[in-house]
Amino acid sequence: MEDKAQIQEAIKSQGEVVRKLKSEKASKDQIDEEVAKLLELKAQLGGDDGKHQFVLKTAKGTRDYNPKQMAIREKVFNTIIGCFKRHGAETIDTPVFELKETLTGKYGEDSKLIYDLKDQGGELLSLRYDLTVPFARYLAMNKITNIKRYHIAKVYRRDNPAMTRGRYREFYQCDFDIAGQYDAMIPDAECLKIVHEILSELDLGDFRIKVNDRRILDGMFAVCGVPDDKFRTICSTVDKLDKMPWEDVKKEMVNEKGLSEEAADQIGEYVSMQGGMDLAERLLQDQKMCQSKLACAGLSDIKLLFSYLQLFQVTDKVVFDLSLARGLDYYTGIIYEAVLTQAGVAPVTAEAQNGAPGEESVSVGSVAGGGRYDGLVGMFDPKGRKVPCVGVSIGIERVFSIMEQKAEASAEKVRTTEVQVMVASAQKNLLEEKLKLITELWNAGIKAEVMYKKNPKLLSQLQHCEESGIPLVAILGEQELKDGVVKLRVVATREEADISRADLIDEIRRRTSEA
């Protein structure tokens, strides 16, 4: 009994914590975390009958999707898959978990976010962190030297979730990659064209695609006096420039990473530069940059890339940005990231801004990223054979967050089904006739629905159509059956027409294809 009293006391004080946070308008994530603790304490008490009470919540950093959200997701997926297919990609799938050693050492400082599983029969396994490393393993294992593939699947990160900003522990990635030995920058330019097409088609608002090259970064670090063994760790710090001001980034380089202040200041001069082909040409003449063969090779490729991007008509959105670093260890050449410059909608909740009134929906951040990774497949190949690869990943959860906000902000109704016609009756005892008719429609591939009642009221059947957005109603009555017709009603305009049973399917197809 003493334990029970202690738990009740803990519930009381935890309840106070939750109430205090709510009154202070704390962030949703913070409140959710404390509510979860409260629910767990209540579950320990159990019900009056001694049965265990379940804590009804999704795991931290995950969420359920309701039909409206799923309708938006499907629309986004269809747009993206349509673009990938337009560019000639085929699709593959890989297991949701990999051998731990497959994933270890591929993600730089982010490796700590890999989800490890318990020992399974002698195999140490981890949930996949992204779709790129499993793709490289797949190529090496199957001795594939060229493929253009897309892969859409869930990945897992033991991250600190900020769900209001589209940051989760379980989320989808949409990847497009080109593997194979090709002439420089042609596949790379196509990847950027794909990002441009997808973001334009989804209509998320204005965007920029930032481009850089790992070789330019490494060359820049070398000429600025960064020791070789610090390249990757300094790269990870530079990668934070989109989230932190330069002063904080410099502090991290000098105080935490042990870089000299002089080297950090020289890096600061370069990473503030942005431009296009002209900037690449200028840097090729730069006295310091000229000292690095690596940087020169990268700058020449950037020039070539921009010449192809002009032909693809996407240079209006692409910027050469020396601050772009992308923290992943496996990149070897061109890297890029697409960011929204304004999402076109304000965040739905105050929590989305963590109560900061001046912060705009631009906080969504990057919505796509990728680059060239020529050495990754070779890491898995027993003979170290390299397969050059370049790819892009669409940050789909962030895209969903914006699309959901837009749907919320607009009065437009999101349809959660694709039903084209409701089979209804105005009189009683016509269930069998309705079931015969709906069977004809289903067999013809028409999306149709009928109410699961013997004698529903016509009004309730019509109301269901209006609520669900079903455009047509096929109404049966004694007279219609005698005349061999069906009364077809347009829900929006309430117009009605008698259509012969033989012509009904063609008429429904005609009307729904026009809609």
Protein backbone atom coordinates (compact mmCIF):
# COMPACT_ATOMS: atom_id res chain seq x y z
CA MET A 1 0.00 0.00 0.00
CA GLU A 2 2.94 2.27 0.76
CA ASP A 3 4.12 1.96 -2.88
CA LYS A 4 0.67 2.94 -4.07
CA ALA A 5 0.70 6.04 -1.84
CA GLN A 6 4.13 7.01 -3.18
CA ILE A 7 2.94 6.66 -6.79
CA GLN A 8 -0.17 8.74 -6.04
CA GLU A 9 2.07 11.44 -4.52
CA ALA A 10 4.32 11.34 -7.61
CA ILE A 11 1.23 11.62 -9.87
CA LYS A 12 0.10 14.67 -7.91
CA SER A 13 3.44 16.48 -8.23
CA GLN A 14 3.84 15.47 -11.90
CA GLY A 15 0.34 16.86 -12.54
CA GLU A 16 1.52 20.16 -11.04
CA VAL A 17 4.53 20.17 -13.42
CA VAL A 18 2.23 19.67 -16.45
CA ARG A 19 -0.21 22.38 -15.31
CA LYS A 20 2.67 24.83 -14.71
CA LEU A 21 4.12 24.20 -18.20
CA LYS A 22 0.71 24.71 -19.81
CA SER A 23 0.13 27.96 -17.92
CA GLU A 24 3.59 29.16 -18.99
CA LYS A 25 2.77 28.21 -22.61
CA ALA A 26 5.85 25.98 -22.87
CA SER A 27 6.70 24.21 -26.13
CA LYS A 28 4.49 21.30 -27.23
CA ASP A 29 7.47 18.89 -27.16
CA GLN A 30 8.22 19.80 -23.53
CA ILE A 31 4.56 19.42 -22.46
CA ASP A 32 4.20 16.10 -24.35
CA GLU A 33 7.29 14.74 -22.59
CA GLU A 34 5.96 15.60 -19.11
CA VAL A 35 2.44 14.32 -19.96
CA ALA A 36 4.02 11.02 -21.04
CA LYS A 37 5.72 10.76 -17.63
CA LEU A 38 2.37 11.44 -15.93
CA LEU A 39 0.62 8.75 -17.99
CA GLU A 40 3.37 6.25 -17.17
CA LEU A 41 2.92 6.92 -13.44
CA LYS A 42 -0.85 6.47 -13.77
CA ALA A 43 -0.28 3.20 -15.64
CA GLN A 44 1.84 1.93 -12.71
CA LEU A 45 -1.16 2.35 -10.43
CA GLY A 46 -3.29 0.12 -12.67
CA GLY A 47 -7.10 0.18 -12.82
CA ASP A 48 -9.45 -0.53 -9.95
CA ASP A 49 -9.73 -4.14 -11.06
CA GLY A 50 -5.97 -4.57 -10.86
CA LYS A 51 -5.53 -4.74 -14.66
CA HIS A 52 -2.61 -2.96 -16.32
CA GLN A 53 -3.60 0.34 -17.90
CA PHE A 54 -2.01 1.05 -21.26
CA VAL A 55 -0.31 4.36 -21.95
CA LEU A 56 -2.02 5.49 -25.12
CA LYS A 57 0.59 7.53 -26.96
CA THR A 58 2.93 7.15 -29.92
CA ALA A 59 6.63 6.70 -29.17
CA LYS A 60 8.68 9.90 -28.86
CA GLY A 61 9.58 11.40 -32.24
CA THR A 62 6.89 9.47 -34.13
CA ARG A 63 3.31 10.27 -35.10
CA ASP A 64 0.12 8.75 -36.50
CA TYR A 65 -1.27 10.08 -39.76
CA ASN A 66 -5.01 10.60 -40.16
CA PRO A 67 -6.82 10.12 -43.51
CA LYS A 68 -6.55 13.83 -44.40
CA GLN A 69 -2.79 13.84 -43.77
CA MET A 70 -2.40 10.60 -45.74
CA ALA A 71 -4.27 12.10 -48.70
CA ILE A 72 -1.76 14.99 -48.71
CA ARG A 73 1.17 12.53 -48.37
CA GLU A 74 -0.03 10.40 -51.29
CA LYS A 75 -0.36 13.47 -53.50
CA VAL A 76 3.22 14.53 -52.63
CA PHE A 77 4.58 11.00 -53.21
CA ASN A 78 2.82 10.78 -56.59
CA THR A 79 4.37 14.10 -57.68
CA ILE A 80 7.85 12.96 -56.65
CA ILE A 81 7.57 9.44 -58.11
CA GLY A 82 6.21 10.97 -61.35
CA CYS A 83 9.32 13.14 -61.60
CA PHE A 84 11.71 10.25 -60.83
CA LYS A 85 10.05 8.10 -63.49
CA ARG A 86 10.11 10.96 -66.00
CA HIS A 87 13.89 10.92 -65.61
CA GLY A 88 14.10 7.18 -66.28
CA ALA A 89 14.60 5.78 -62.77
CA GLU A 90 13.69 2.25 -61.63
CA THR A 91 12.98 1.39 -57.99
CA ILE A 92 14.47 -0.98 -55.39
CA ASP A 93 13.88 -1.81 -51.72
CA THR A 94 16.27 -2.88 -48.94
CA PRO A 95 15.73 -4.22 -45.37
CA VAL A 96 14.78 -1.75 -42.63
CA PHE A 97 17.78 -2.93 -40.58
CA GLU A 98 21.36 -3.61 -41.64
CA LEU A 99 24.40 -5.19 -39.99
CA LYS A 100 25.75 -2.58 -37.57
CA GLU A 101 29.19 -2.62 -39.26
CA THR A 102 27.54 -1.67 -42.59
CA LEU A 103 26.41 1.65 -41.12
CA THR A 104 29.26 2.41 -38.70
CA GLY A 105 31.76 5.08 -39.72
CA LYS A 106 29.79 6.42 -42.71
CA TYR A 107 28.06 9.43 -41.14
CA GLY A 108 30.79 11.41 -39.38
CA GLU A 109 29.66 13.02 -36.13
CA ASP A 110 26.06 11.96 -36.79
CA SER A 111 26.94 8.27 -36.21
CA LYS A 112 25.83 8.68 -32.59
CA LEU A 113 22.24 8.98 -33.90
CA ILE A 114 22.16 5.41 -35.29
CA TYR A 115 19.53 3.20 -33.61
CA ASP A 116 21.18 -0.02 -32.43
CA LEU A 117 19.09 -3.17 -31.91
CA LYS A 118 19.72 -5.93 -29.37
CA ASP A 119 21.94 -8.86 -30.40
CA GLN A 120 19.84 -11.10 -32.68
CA GLY A 121 21.25 -14.60 -32.84
CA GLY A 122 24.85 -13.44 -33.06
CA GLU A 123 24.20 -10.53 -35.46
CA LEU A 124 24.66 -6.94 -34.29
CA LEU A 125 22.03 -4.94 -36.17
CA SER A 126 21.04 -1.28 -36.51
CA LEU A 127 18.03 0.43 -38.06
CA ARG A 128 18.95 2.15 -41.32
CA TYR A 129 19.95 5.81 -40.87
CA ASP A 130 19.45 6.77 -44.51
CA LEU A 131 18.90 5.05 -47.88
CA THR A 132 22.32 5.88 -49.39
CA VAL A 133 24.55 3.50 -47.41
CA PRO A 134 22.15 0.52 -47.93
CA PHE A 135 22.14 1.44 -51.67
CA ALA A 136 25.96 1.32 -51.77
CA ARG A 137 25.91 -2.04 -49.96
CA TYR A 138 23.31 -3.31 -52.48
CA LEU A 139 25.48 -2.25 -55.45
CA ALA A 140 28.65 -3.88 -54.04
CA MET A 141 26.82 -7.07 -53.03
CA ASN A 142 25.16 -7.50 -56.45
CA LYS A 143 28.20 -6.28 -58.45
CA ILE A 144 26.11 -3.56 -60.12
CA THR A 145 28.22 -0.89 -61.84
CA ASN A 146 25.49 1.33 -63.27
CA ILE A 147 21.87 1.99 -62.32
CA LYS A 148 19.52 4.95 -62.03
CA ARG A 149 17.24 4.19 -59.11
CA TYR A 150 14.80 5.75 -56.70
CA HIS A 151 13.90 4.43 -53.25
CA ILE A 152 11.16 5.73 -50.95
CA ALA A 153 11.16 4.24 -47.45
CA LYS A 154 11.32 4.97 -43.73
CA VAL A 155 14.63 5.66 -41.96
CA TYR A 156 15.42 5.99 -38.25
CA ARG A 157 17.48 8.44 -36.18
CA ARG A 158 17.91 8.53 -32.42
CA ASP A 159 17.62 12.28 -32.65
CA ASN A 160 16.19 14.81 -30.23
CA PRO A 161 12.93 15.34 -32.08
CA ALA A 162 11.53 18.79 -32.85
CA MET A 163 8.30 17.55 -34.37
CA THR A 164 6.80 21.00 -34.89
CA ARG A 165 9.63 21.65 -37.35
CA GLY A 166 9.28 18.39 -39.24
CA ARG A 167 12.10 16.64 -37.33
CA TYR A 168 11.30 13.05 -36.33
CA ARG A 169 12.95 9.82 -35.19
CA GLU A 170 11.07 7.79 -37.82
CA PHE A 171 10.53 9.42 -41.19
CA TYR A 172 10.40 8.82 -44.92
CA GLN A 173 13.21 9.60 -47.33
CA CYS A 174 12.79 9.90 -51.09
CA ASP A 175 16.11 9.21 -52.80
CA PHE A 176 17.15 9.40 -56.44
CA ASP A 177 20.67 8.23 -57.38
CA ILE A 178 22.70 7.71 -60.53
CA ALA A 179 25.50 5.14 -60.24
CA GLY A 180 28.04 4.61 -63.01
CA GLN A 181 31.08 5.99 -64.82
CA TYR A 182 29.88 8.96 -66.90
CA ASP A 183 31.28 12.26 -68.19
CA ALA A 184 31.71 14.92 -65.50
CA MET A 185 28.75 16.89 -64.16
CA ILE A 186 26.02 15.57 -66.53
CA PRO A 187 24.35 13.28 -63.94
CA ASP A 188 25.03 15.89 -61.21
CA ALA A 189 23.21 18.57 -63.22
CA GLU A 190 20.24 16.21 -63.75
CA CYS A 191 19.94 15.69 -59.97
CA LEU A 192 19.65 19.46 -59.49
CA LYS A 193 17.12 19.67 -62.33
CA ILE A 194 15.03 17.03 -60.51
CA VAL A 195 15.08 19.04 -57.25
CA HIS A 196 14.03 22.14 -59.21
CA GLU A 197 11.16 20.28 -60.90
CA ILE A 198 9.84 18.72 -57.67
CA LEU A 199 9.95 21.91 -55.59
CA SER A 200 8.37 23.93 -58.41
CA GLU A 201 5.58 21.36 -58.91
CA LEU A 202 4.80 21.08 -55.18
CA ASP A 203 4.47 24.88 -55.03
CA LEU A 204 5.95 25.24 -51.54
CA GLY A 205 7.06 28.83 -52.02
CA ASP A 206 10.32 30.37 -53.17
CA PHE A 207 13.46 28.23 -52.83
CA ARG A 208 17.21 28.27 -53.43
CA ILE A 209 19.49 25.35 -54.26
CA LYS A 210 22.92 25.91 -52.69
CA VAL A 211 25.85 24.18 -54.42
CA ASN A 212 29.44 23.58 -53.32
CA ASP A 213 32.12 20.90 -53.74
CA ARG A 214 33.87 18.88 -51.04
CA ARG A 215 37.16 19.30 -52.93
CA ILE A 216 36.80 23.09 -52.79
CA LEU A 217 36.17 22.87 -49.03
CA ASP A 218 39.12 20.54 -48.46
CA GLY A 219 41.37 22.74 -50.62
CA MET A 220 40.15 25.83 -48.77
CA PHE A 221 40.86 24.18 -45.38
CA ALA A 222 44.37 23.22 -46.57
CA VAL A 223 45.30 26.72 -47.79
CA CYS A 224 43.82 28.29 -44.63
CA GLY A 225 46.07 26.12 -42.45
CA VAL A 226 43.69 23.48 -41.12
CA PRO A 227 45.60 20.27 -40.20
CA ASP A 228 44.61 17.22 -42.34
CA ASP A 229 43.22 15.29 -39.38
CA LYS A 230 40.82 18.15 -38.57
CA PHE A 231 39.22 18.48 -42.06
CA ARG A 232 36.13 16.40 -41.28
CA THR A 233 35.46 17.83 -37.84
CA ILE A 234 35.89 21.44 -39.09
CA CYS A 235 33.62 20.56 -42.01
CA SER A 236 30.91 19.48 -39.53
CA THR A 237 31.24 22.84 -37.76
CA VAL A 238 31.02 24.83 -41.03
CA ASP A 239 27.86 22.82 -41.77
CA LYS A 240 26.19 24.56 -38.80
CA LEU A 241 26.39 28.00 -40.47
CA ASP A 242 22.75 27.79 -41.58
CA LYS A 243 21.70 27.39 -37.91
CA MET A 244 24.34 29.46 -36.05
CA PRO A 245 25.93 32.89 -36.64
CA TRP A 246 29.58 32.97 -37.78
CA GLU A 247 30.79 34.12 -34.35
CA ASP A 248 29.42 30.95 -32.69
CA VAL A 249 30.82 28.75 -35.47
CA LYS A 250 34.23 30.37 -35.09
CA LYS A 251 34.07 29.89 -31.29
CA GLU A 252 33.39 26.16 -31.79
CA MET A 253 36.30 25.84 -34.24
CA VAL A 254 38.77 27.61 -31.95
CA ASN A 255 37.62 26.65 -28.42
CA GLU A 256 36.25 23.13 -28.98
CA LYS A 257 38.11 21.89 -32.07
CA GLY A 258 41.48 23.56 -31.27
CA LEU A 259 41.86 25.50 -34.56
CA SER A 260 44.03 28.61 -34.59
CA GLU A 261 42.15 31.92 -34.66
CA GLU A 262 44.05 32.98 -37.80
CA ALA A 263 42.94 29.85 -39.72
CA ALA A 264 39.34 30.35 -38.56
CA ASP A 265 39.34 33.99 -39.76
CA GLN A 266 40.67 32.95 -43.20
CA ILE A 267 37.91 30.32 -43.47
CA GLY A 268 35.42 33.04 -42.45
CA GLU A 269 36.40 35.17 -45.45
CA TYR A 270 35.73 32.35 -47.91
CA VAL A 271 32.53 30.92 -46.40
CA SER A 272 30.81 34.31 -46.70
CA MET A 273 31.09 34.14 -50.52
CA GLN A 274 28.10 33.36 -52.75
CA GLY A 275 27.58 33.63 -56.52
CA GLY A 276 27.40 31.65 -59.73
CA MET A 277 29.80 30.72 -62.50
CA ASP A 278 31.45 34.15 -62.08
CA LEU A 279 32.46 33.31 -58.48
CA ALA A 280 34.03 30.02 -59.62
CA GLU A 281 36.04 31.92 -62.27
CA ARG A 282 37.13 34.52 -59.68
CA LEU A 283 38.27 31.84 -57.21
CA LEU A 284 40.26 30.09 -59.94
CA GLN A 285 42.31 33.33 -60.09
CA ASP A 286 42.53 33.57 -56.26
CA GLN A 287 46.20 33.36 -55.20
CA LYS A 288 45.49 31.17 -52.18
CA MET A 289 43.01 28.82 -53.85
CA CYS A 290 45.38 28.33 -56.81
CA GLN A 291 47.79 26.57 -54.45
CA SER A 292 45.34 23.66 -54.12
CA LYS A 293 44.98 21.30 -57.10
CA LEU A 294 41.97 19.79 -55.34
CA ALA A 295 40.17 23.14 -55.06
CA CYS A 296 40.97 23.99 -58.71
CA ALA A 297 39.47 20.68 -59.89
CA GLY A 298 36.34 21.40 -57.86
CA LEU A 299 36.05 24.96 -59.18
CA SER A 300 36.44 23.79 -62.80
CA ASP A 301 33.63 21.27 -62.25
CA ILE A 302 31.40 23.96 -60.69
CA LYS A 303 31.90 26.04 -63.87
CA LEU A 304 30.98 23.03 -66.02
CA LEU A 305 27.98 22.29 -63.81
CA PHE A 306 26.63 25.82 -64.21
CA SER A 307 26.96 25.60 -68.02
CA TYR A 308 24.71 22.49 -67.97
CA LEU A 309 22.30 24.07 -65.48
CA GLN A 310 21.87 26.97 -67.91
CA LEU A 311 20.82 24.48 -70.60
CA PHE A 312 18.42 22.85 -68.11
CA GLN A 313 16.99 26.34 -67.38
CA VAL A 314 17.40 26.16 -63.60
CA THR A 315 20.17 28.72 -62.87
CA ASP A 316 17.57 31.21 -61.54
CA LYS A 317 17.33 29.14 -58.33
CA VAL A 318 20.91 27.80 -57.98
CA VAL A 319 23.65 29.58 -56.03
CA PHE A 320 27.31 28.60 -55.53
CA ASP A 321 27.72 28.95 -51.75
CA LEU A 322 31.08 28.31 -50.07
CA SER A 323 29.48 27.93 -46.63
CA LEU A 324 27.63 24.75 -47.68
CA ALA A 325 29.44 21.78 -46.11
CA ARG A 326 26.95 18.91 -45.48
CA GLY A 327 28.24 16.94 -42.51
CA LEU A 328 28.15 13.40 -43.93
CA ASP A 329 31.56 11.79 -44.36
CA TYR A 330 30.89 9.95 -47.60
CA TYR A 331 30.65 12.97 -49.97
CA THR A 332 33.62 13.34 -52.34
CA GLY A 333 32.64 16.02 -54.88
CA ILE A 334 29.64 18.21 -55.66
CA ILE A 335 27.26 18.76 -52.72
CA TYR A 336 23.93 20.62 -52.71
CA GLU A 337 21.03 21.55 -50.51
CA ALA A 338 17.66 23.11 -51.30
CA VAL A 339 16.23 25.56 -48.78
CA LEU A 340 12.91 27.37 -48.73
CA THR A 341 13.35 31.13 -48.60
CA GLN A 342 9.72 31.54 -47.55
CA ALA A 343 7.27 28.73 -47.08
CA GLY A 344 4.29 30.88 -48.03
CA VAL A 345 2.42 30.01 -44.83
CA ALA A 346 2.79 30.91 -41.17
CA PRO A 347 3.18 28.08 -38.65
CA VAL A 348 -0.17 26.75 -37.47
CA THR A 349 0.64 26.69 -33.76
CA ALA A 350 2.48 28.92 -31.36
CA GLU A 351 4.55 25.87 -30.43
CA ALA A 352 5.88 25.77 -33.98
CA GLN A 353 7.68 28.97 -33.16
CA ASN A 354 8.42 28.00 -29.54
CA GLY A 355 6.61 31.20 -28.63
CA ALA A 356 9.10 33.41 -30.51
CA PRO A 357 6.96 36.08 -32.19
CA GLY A 358 9.60 37.24 -34.67
CA GLU A 359 10.36 33.80 -36.11
CA GLU A 360 8.80 32.95 -39.48
CA SER A 361 7.94 29.66 -41.12
CA VAL A 362 11.34 29.84 -42.85
CA SER A 363 12.54 27.75 -39.86
CA VAL A 364 11.52 24.64 -41.83
CA GLY A 365 15.08 24.70 -43.23
CA SER A 366 16.44 22.41 -45.91
CA VAL A 367 13.96 20.36 -47.96
CA ALA A 368 16.41 18.44 -50.16
CA GLY A 369 20.09 17.60 -50.15
CA GLY A 370 22.64 15.38 -51.79
CA GLY A 371 25.91 15.17 -53.61
CA ARG A 372 28.57 12.96 -55.16
CA TYR A 373 29.94 10.00 -53.22
CA ASP A 374 32.43 8.12 -55.40
CA GLY A 375 34.12 6.10 -52.65
CA LEU A 376 31.18 4.62 -50.73
CA VAL A 377 30.54 1.49 -52.86
CA GLY A 378 34.28 0.72 -52.83
CA MET A 379 34.16 0.56 -49.00
CA PHE A 380 31.92 -2.51 -49.31
CA ASP A 381 33.54 -4.16 -52.33
CA PRO A 382 36.03 -6.91 -51.33
CA LYS A 383 38.41 -5.72 -54.08
CA GLY A 384 37.75 -2.03 -53.39
CA ARG A 385 36.26 -1.49 -56.87
CA LYS A 386 34.74 1.99 -57.01
CA VAL A 387 31.37 2.83 -58.52
CA PRO A 388 30.95 6.61 -58.89
CA CYS A 389 27.55 7.78 -57.56
CA VAL A 390 25.61 11.01 -57.29
CA GLY A 391 22.20 11.43 -55.73
CA VAL A 392 19.62 13.56 -54.02
CA SER A 393 17.27 13.03 -51.09
CA ILE A 394 14.00 14.94 -50.70
CA GLY A 395 13.26 15.91 -47.07
CA ILE A 396 9.75 14.65 -47.32
CA GLU A 397 8.59 15.18 -43.70
CA ARG A 398 9.39 18.87 -43.93
CA VAL A 399 7.50 19.05 -47.20
CA PHE A 400 4.51 17.35 -45.52
CA SER A 401 4.61 19.85 -42.63
CA ILE A 402 4.32 22.75 -45.08
CA MET A 403 1.64 21.07 -47.23
CA GLU A 404 -0.43 20.34 -44.09
CA GLN A 405 -0.09 23.95 -42.94
CA LYS A 406 -1.18 25.15 -46.37
CA ALA A 407 -4.20 22.83 -46.36
CA GLU A 408 -5.08 24.08 -42.86
CA ALA A 409 -4.72 27.71 -43.89
CA SER A 410 -6.83 27.39 -47.05
CA ALA A 411 -10.54 26.66 -46.92
CA GLU A 412 -10.07 23.98 -49.59
CA LYS A 413 -11.43 20.60 -48.51
CA VAL A 414 -9.02 17.66 -48.72
CA ARG A 415 -10.72 14.53 -50.08
CA THR A 416 -9.67 11.39 -48.25
CA THR A 417 -11.32 8.91 -50.66
CA GLU A 418 -11.59 8.71 -54.45
CA VAL A 419 -15.21 7.48 -54.64
CA GLN A 420 -16.76 8.68 -57.91
CA VAL A 421 -20.38 7.66 -57.35
CA MET A 422 -22.73 6.71 -54.51
CA VAL A 423 -25.39 4.12 -55.28
CA ALA A 424 -28.54 5.29 -53.47
CA SER A 425 -32.27 4.64 -53.35
CA ALA A 426 -35.27 6.84 -52.64
CA GLN A 427 -37.57 3.97 -51.63
CA LYS A 428 -37.48 1.00 -49.29
CA ASN A 429 -36.62 -2.64 -50.05
CA LEU A 430 -34.18 -1.93 -52.89
CA LEU A 431 -30.99 -3.19 -51.21
CA GLU A 432 -30.62 -6.15 -53.61
CA GLU A 433 -31.00 -3.90 -56.66
CA LYS A 434 -28.41 -1.46 -55.26
CA LEU A 435 -25.96 -4.30 -54.63
CA LYS A 436 -26.47 -5.58 -58.22
CA LEU A 437 -25.78 -2.10 -59.61
CA ILE A 438 -22.70 -1.43 -57.44
CA THR A 439 -21.29 -4.82 -58.50
CA GLU A 440 -21.64 -3.76 -62.18
CA LEU A 441 -19.81 -0.51 -61.36
CA TRP A 442 -17.01 -2.18 -59.38
CA ASN A 443 -16.52 -4.79 -62.13
CA ALA A 444 -16.11 -1.93 -64.62
CA GLY A 445 -13.42 -0.32 -62.42
CA ILE A 446 -15.65 2.52 -61.16
CA LYS A 447 -14.94 3.68 -57.58
CA ALA A 448 -18.34 3.37 -55.91
CA GLU A 449 -19.91 3.19 -52.47
CA VAL A 450 -23.25 2.11 -50.97
CA MET A 451 -24.61 2.64 -47.45
CA TYR A 452 -24.55 -0.42 -45.20
CA LYS A 453 -28.26 -0.15 -44.33
CA LYS A 454 -31.28 -1.86 -45.84
CA ASN A 455 -33.44 1.27 -45.99
CA PRO A 456 -31.42 4.46 -45.50
CA LYS A 457 -33.08 7.87 -45.91
CA LEU A 458 -32.23 9.55 -49.22
CA LEU A 459 -31.26 12.74 -47.38
CA SER A 460 -28.66 10.98 -45.24
CA GLN A 461 -27.21 9.35 -48.40
CA LEU A 462 -26.93 12.76 -50.12
CA GLN A 463 -25.42 14.34 -47.01
CA HIS A 464 -22.73 11.63 -46.94
CA CYS A 465 -21.84 12.56 -50.54
CA GLU A 466 -21.50 16.24 -49.68
CA GLU A 467 -19.36 15.54 -46.61
CA SER A 468 -17.09 13.10 -48.46
CA GLY A 469 -16.87 15.10 -51.70
CA ILE A 470 -18.43 12.29 -53.81
CA PRO A 471 -19.39 14.03 -57.08
CA LEU A 472 -22.21 11.76 -58.37
CA VAL A 473 -25.18 9.80 -57.01
CA ALA A 474 -26.82 6.95 -58.94
CA ILE A 475 -30.40 6.82 -57.60
CA LEU A 476 -32.61 3.75 -58.04
CA GLY A 477 -36.42 3.67 -57.58
CA GLU A 478 -39.31 1.41 -58.64
CA GLN A 479 -39.98 3.56 -61.71
CA GLU A 480 -36.32 3.67 -62.76
CA LEU A 481 -36.12 -0.12 -62.54
CA LYS A 482 -39.23 -0.50 -64.72
CA ASP A 483 -37.85 1.96 -67.30
CA GLY A 484 -34.36 0.41 -67.30
CA VAL A 485 -32.73 3.70 -66.28
CA VAL A 486 -30.78 5.17 -63.36
CA LYS A 487 -31.25 8.73 -62.12
CA LEU A 488 -27.76 10.28 -62.12
CA ARG A 489 -27.49 13.30 -59.83
CA VAL A 490 -24.61 15.81 -59.75
CA VAL A 491 -24.07 16.54 -56.05
CA ALA A 492 -22.65 20.07 -56.50
CA THR A 493 -25.38 21.44 -58.83
CA ARG A 494 -28.23 19.01 -57.88
CA GLU A 495 -28.93 18.48 -61.60
CA GLU A 496 -30.52 15.11 -62.39
CA ALA A 497 -30.76 13.10 -65.60
CA ASP A 498 -32.20 9.66 -66.42
CA ILE A 499 -29.45 7.53 -67.97
CA SER A 500 -30.13 4.12 -69.50
CA ARG A 501 -28.53 1.27 -67.57
CA ALA A 502 -26.46 0.29 -70.64
CA ASP A 503 -24.93 3.80 -70.91
CA LEU A 504 -24.42 4.43 -67.18
CA ILE A 505 -20.78 3.32 -66.92
CA ASP A 506 -19.69 5.42 -69.93
CA GLU A 507 -21.63 8.42 -68.59
CA ILE A 508 -19.98 8.17 -65.13
CA ARG A 509 -16.54 7.87 -66.76
CA ARG A 510 -17.23 10.90 -68.98
CA ARG A 511 -18.44 13.07 -66.12
CA THR A 512 -15.67 12.13 -63.69
CA SER A 513 -12.92 12.62 -66.28
CA GLU A 514 -14.23 16.15 -66.92
CA ALA A 515 -14.26 16.98 -63.20
